[in-house]
């Protein structure tokens, strides 16, 4: 039997919550929200905390709330 080594689920991950609607946003911002997996208000996604995700959050920072 092999032992499985897993990281804790919260290590190097962030919660992203959509707090404002994507109505009246630019197409780039809508595509970014879609890439993050956020389609409905109050929807929360847990994503890895890396530079790519942080860059996407920067594009839609006025629409989302980030929790560590």
N, C-alpha and C. Protein backbone atom coordinates (compact mmCIF):
# COMPACT_ATOMS: atom_id res chain seq x y z
N UNK A 1 0.82 -1.18 0.00
CA UNK A 1 0.00 0.00 0.00
C UNK A 1 0.87 1.25 0.00
N UNK A 2 0.49 2.19 -0.82
CA UNK A 2 1.20 3.45 -0.89
C UNK A 2 0.50 4.48 -0.01
N UNK A 3 1.30 5.30 0.64
CA UNK A 3 0.73 6.37 1.43
C UNK A 3 0.50 7.57 0.53
N UNK A 4 -0.63 8.17 0.69
CA UNK A 4 -0.93 9.37 -0.08
C UNK A 4 -0.59 10.59 0.77
N UNK A 5 0.18 11.47 0.19
CA UNK A 5 0.50 12.70 0.90
C UNK A 5 -0.29 13.83 0.24
N UNK A 6 -1.07 14.51 1.02
CA UNK A 6 -1.86 15.60 0.49
C UNK A 6 -1.61 16.86 1.29
N UNK A 7 -1.73 17.98 0.63
CA UNK A 7 -1.60 19.27 1.28
C UNK A 7 -2.93 19.62 1.94
N UNK A 8 -2.89 20.44 2.96
CA UNK A 8 -4.15 20.94 3.50
C UNK A 8 -4.89 21.74 2.44
N UNK A 9 -6.20 21.70 2.46
CA UNK A 9 -7.00 22.34 1.42
C UNK A 9 -6.84 23.86 1.41
N UNK A 10 -6.48 24.45 2.53
CA UNK A 10 -6.42 25.91 2.59
C UNK A 10 -5.02 26.46 2.37
N UNK A 11 -4.02 25.63 2.23
CA UNK A 11 -2.65 26.13 2.02
C UNK A 11 -2.52 26.71 0.62
N UNK A 12 -2.10 27.97 0.55
CA UNK A 12 -1.89 28.66 -0.73
C UNK A 12 -3.13 28.70 -1.60
N UNK A 13 -4.29 28.88 -0.98
CA UNK A 13 -5.53 29.04 -1.73
C UNK A 13 -6.27 30.26 -1.23
N UNK A 14 -7.07 30.85 -2.11
CA UNK A 14 -7.86 32.02 -1.74
C UNK A 14 -9.31 31.81 -2.14
N UNK A 15 -10.19 32.45 -1.40
CA UNK A 15 -11.62 32.44 -1.73
C UNK A 15 -11.94 33.70 -2.48
N UNK A 16 -12.66 33.54 -3.59
CA UNK A 16 -13.07 34.68 -4.40
C UNK A 16 -14.59 34.68 -4.44
N UNK A 17 -15.20 35.80 -4.06
CA UNK A 17 -16.65 35.91 -4.03
C UNK A 17 -17.10 37.03 -4.95
N UNK A 18 -18.06 36.74 -5.83
CA UNK A 18 -18.61 37.75 -6.73
C UNK A 18 -19.63 38.56 -5.95
N UNK A 19 -19.40 39.86 -5.81
CA UNK A 19 -20.30 40.69 -5.00
C UNK A 19 -21.10 41.69 -5.84
N UNK A 20 -20.72 41.90 -7.09
CA UNK A 20 -21.45 42.81 -7.96
C UNK A 20 -21.74 42.13 -9.29
N UNK A 21 -22.77 42.58 -9.96
CA UNK A 21 -23.19 42.00 -11.22
C UNK A 21 -22.22 42.32 -12.35
N UNK A 22 -22.21 41.47 -13.35
CA UNK A 22 -21.35 41.67 -14.52
C UNK A 22 -22.04 42.52 -15.58
N UNK A 23 -23.26 42.97 -15.29
CA UNK A 23 -23.97 43.86 -16.22
C UNK A 23 -23.21 45.18 -16.27
N UNK A 24 -23.13 45.78 -17.43
CA UNK A 24 -22.43 47.06 -17.66
C UNK A 24 -20.93 46.95 -17.40
N UNK A 25 -20.35 45.80 -17.67
CA UNK A 25 -18.90 45.66 -17.60
C UNK A 25 -18.40 45.46 -19.03
N UNK A 26 -17.10 45.57 -19.19
CA UNK A 26 -16.52 45.39 -20.52
C UNK A 26 -16.47 43.90 -20.86
N UNK A 27 -16.39 43.57 -22.14
CA UNK A 27 -16.28 42.16 -22.52
C UNK A 27 -15.08 41.46 -21.88
N UNK A 28 -13.96 42.18 -21.73
CA UNK A 28 -12.78 41.59 -21.11
C UNK A 28 -13.06 41.20 -19.66
N UNK A 29 -13.78 42.06 -18.94
CA UNK A 29 -14.11 41.76 -17.55
C UNK A 29 -15.07 40.57 -17.44
N UNK A 30 -16.03 40.48 -18.36
CA UNK A 30 -16.96 39.35 -18.34
C UNK A 30 -16.23 38.04 -18.63
N UNK A 31 -15.29 38.08 -19.57
CA UNK A 31 -14.50 36.87 -19.87
C UNK A 31 -13.63 36.47 -18.69
N UNK A 32 -13.10 37.45 -17.99
CA UNK A 32 -12.27 37.17 -16.82
C UNK A 32 -13.10 36.52 -15.71
N UNK A 33 -14.31 37.04 -15.47
CA UNK A 33 -15.19 36.43 -14.47
C UNK A 33 -15.53 34.99 -14.85
N UNK A 34 -15.77 34.78 -16.13
CA UNK A 34 -16.10 33.43 -16.61
C UNK A 34 -14.90 32.49 -16.42
N UNK A 35 -13.69 32.99 -16.66
CA UNK A 35 -12.48 32.18 -16.48
C UNK A 35 -12.26 31.83 -15.01
N UNK A 36 -12.67 32.73 -14.12
CA UNK A 36 -12.58 32.45 -12.69
C UNK A 36 -13.69 31.51 -12.22
N UNK A 37 -14.68 31.28 -13.07
CA UNK A 37 -15.78 30.39 -12.70
C UNK A 37 -16.89 31.08 -11.94
N UNK A 38 -16.93 32.40 -12.02
CA UNK A 38 -17.95 33.16 -11.29
C UNK A 38 -19.03 33.62 -12.26
N UNK A 39 -20.25 33.13 -12.05
CA UNK A 39 -21.35 33.48 -12.94
C UNK A 39 -22.52 34.10 -12.21
N UNK A 40 -22.64 33.88 -10.91
CA UNK A 40 -23.78 34.39 -10.15
C UNK A 40 -23.29 35.20 -8.95
N UNK A 41 -24.08 36.19 -8.57
CA UNK A 41 -23.75 37.00 -7.40
C UNK A 41 -23.74 36.12 -6.15
N UNK A 42 -22.83 36.39 -5.26
CA UNK A 42 -22.60 35.66 -4.00
C UNK A 42 -22.02 34.26 -4.21
N UNK A 43 -21.59 33.94 -5.42
CA UNK A 43 -20.94 32.67 -5.69
C UNK A 43 -19.50 32.75 -5.20
N UNK A 44 -19.03 31.68 -4.55
CA UNK A 44 -17.67 31.65 -4.00
C UNK A 44 -16.90 30.52 -4.67
N UNK A 45 -15.67 30.81 -5.07
CA UNK A 45 -14.77 29.81 -5.63
C UNK A 45 -13.47 29.82 -4.84
N UNK A 46 -12.91 28.65 -4.63
CA UNK A 46 -11.60 28.52 -3.99
C UNK A 46 -10.61 28.23 -5.10
N UNK A 47 -9.63 29.12 -5.22
CA UNK A 47 -8.65 29.03 -6.31
C UNK A 47 -7.24 29.01 -5.72
N UNK A 48 -6.27 28.48 -6.46
CA UNK A 48 -4.89 28.54 -5.99
C UNK A 48 -4.40 29.99 -5.99
N UNK A 49 -3.57 30.31 -5.03
CA UNK A 49 -3.05 31.68 -4.92
C UNK A 49 -1.76 31.78 -5.71
N UNK A 50 -1.89 32.18 -6.98
CA UNK A 50 -0.70 32.34 -7.82
C UNK A 50 -0.82 33.64 -8.62
N UNK A 51 0.20 33.96 -9.37
CA UNK A 51 0.25 35.23 -10.09
C UNK A 51 -0.84 35.34 -11.15
N UNK A 52 -1.16 34.26 -11.82
CA UNK A 52 -2.19 34.30 -12.87
C UNK A 52 -3.55 34.65 -12.28
N UNK A 53 -3.91 34.00 -11.20
CA UNK A 53 -5.19 34.27 -10.55
C UNK A 53 -5.21 35.68 -9.98
N UNK A 54 -4.11 36.12 -9.37
CA UNK A 54 -4.03 37.48 -8.83
C UNK A 54 -4.18 38.52 -9.95
N UNK A 55 -3.65 38.24 -11.12
CA UNK A 55 -3.81 39.15 -12.25
C UNK A 55 -5.25 39.24 -12.71
N UNK A 56 -5.95 38.11 -12.73
CA UNK A 56 -7.37 38.11 -13.11
C UNK A 56 -8.19 38.87 -12.08
N UNK A 57 -7.85 38.71 -10.80
CA UNK A 57 -8.56 39.42 -9.75
C UNK A 57 -8.35 40.92 -9.89
N UNK A 58 -7.18 41.33 -10.30
CA UNK A 58 -6.89 42.76 -10.48
C UNK A 58 -7.77 43.39 -11.56
N UNK A 59 -8.09 42.61 -12.59
CA UNK A 59 -8.93 43.11 -13.68
C UNK A 59 -10.36 43.37 -13.20
N UNK A 60 -10.86 42.53 -12.29
CA UNK A 60 -12.25 42.65 -11.82
C UNK A 60 -12.32 42.94 -10.32
N UNK A 61 -11.34 43.67 -9.81
CA UNK A 61 -11.25 43.91 -8.37
C UNK A 61 -12.47 44.65 -7.82
N UNK A 62 -13.13 45.45 -8.64
CA UNK A 62 -14.30 46.19 -8.19
C UNK A 62 -15.57 45.33 -8.15
N UNK A 63 -15.49 44.10 -8.65
CA UNK A 63 -16.65 43.20 -8.68
C UNK A 63 -16.55 42.04 -7.69
N UNK A 64 -15.37 41.78 -7.18
CA UNK A 64 -15.16 40.60 -6.32
C UNK A 64 -14.59 41.00 -4.96
N UNK A 65 -14.73 40.08 -4.03
CA UNK A 65 -14.10 40.22 -2.70
C UNK A 65 -13.21 38.99 -2.51
N UNK A 66 -11.99 39.24 -2.05
CA UNK A 66 -11.01 38.17 -1.88
C UNK A 66 -10.77 37.93 -0.41
N UNK A 67 -10.80 36.65 0.00
CA UNK A 67 -10.52 36.26 1.38
C UNK A 67 -9.36 35.28 1.38
N UNK A 68 -8.54 35.38 2.37
CA UNK A 68 -7.39 34.48 2.47
C UNK A 68 -7.81 33.15 3.05
